């Protein structure tokens, strides 16, 4: 996967996550912590589906961010040596 494609995916995932965050009034990171520990109310079929999708989008974003970091670190130019200034 290319770096531009990873960035495109991250932006698309952010849009999906923001929709859930607005709907349920919490950030995705907080939702996911509650979801993983079984603390999210999911009694309605629509909630079960929405929470499953939200968790999947969040996990995918986390993986894409990891991939971005790996690809970026491979492509990042090496830091330049500071130029010595004459005294």
Foldseek 3Di string as FASTA:
>chain_A
DDLVVLVVLLVVLVVVQVVVCVVVVHHLVVLLVCVVVVNDDDPDPVSVVVSVVSNVSVVVNVVSVVVNVVNCVVPPDDDDDDDDDDD
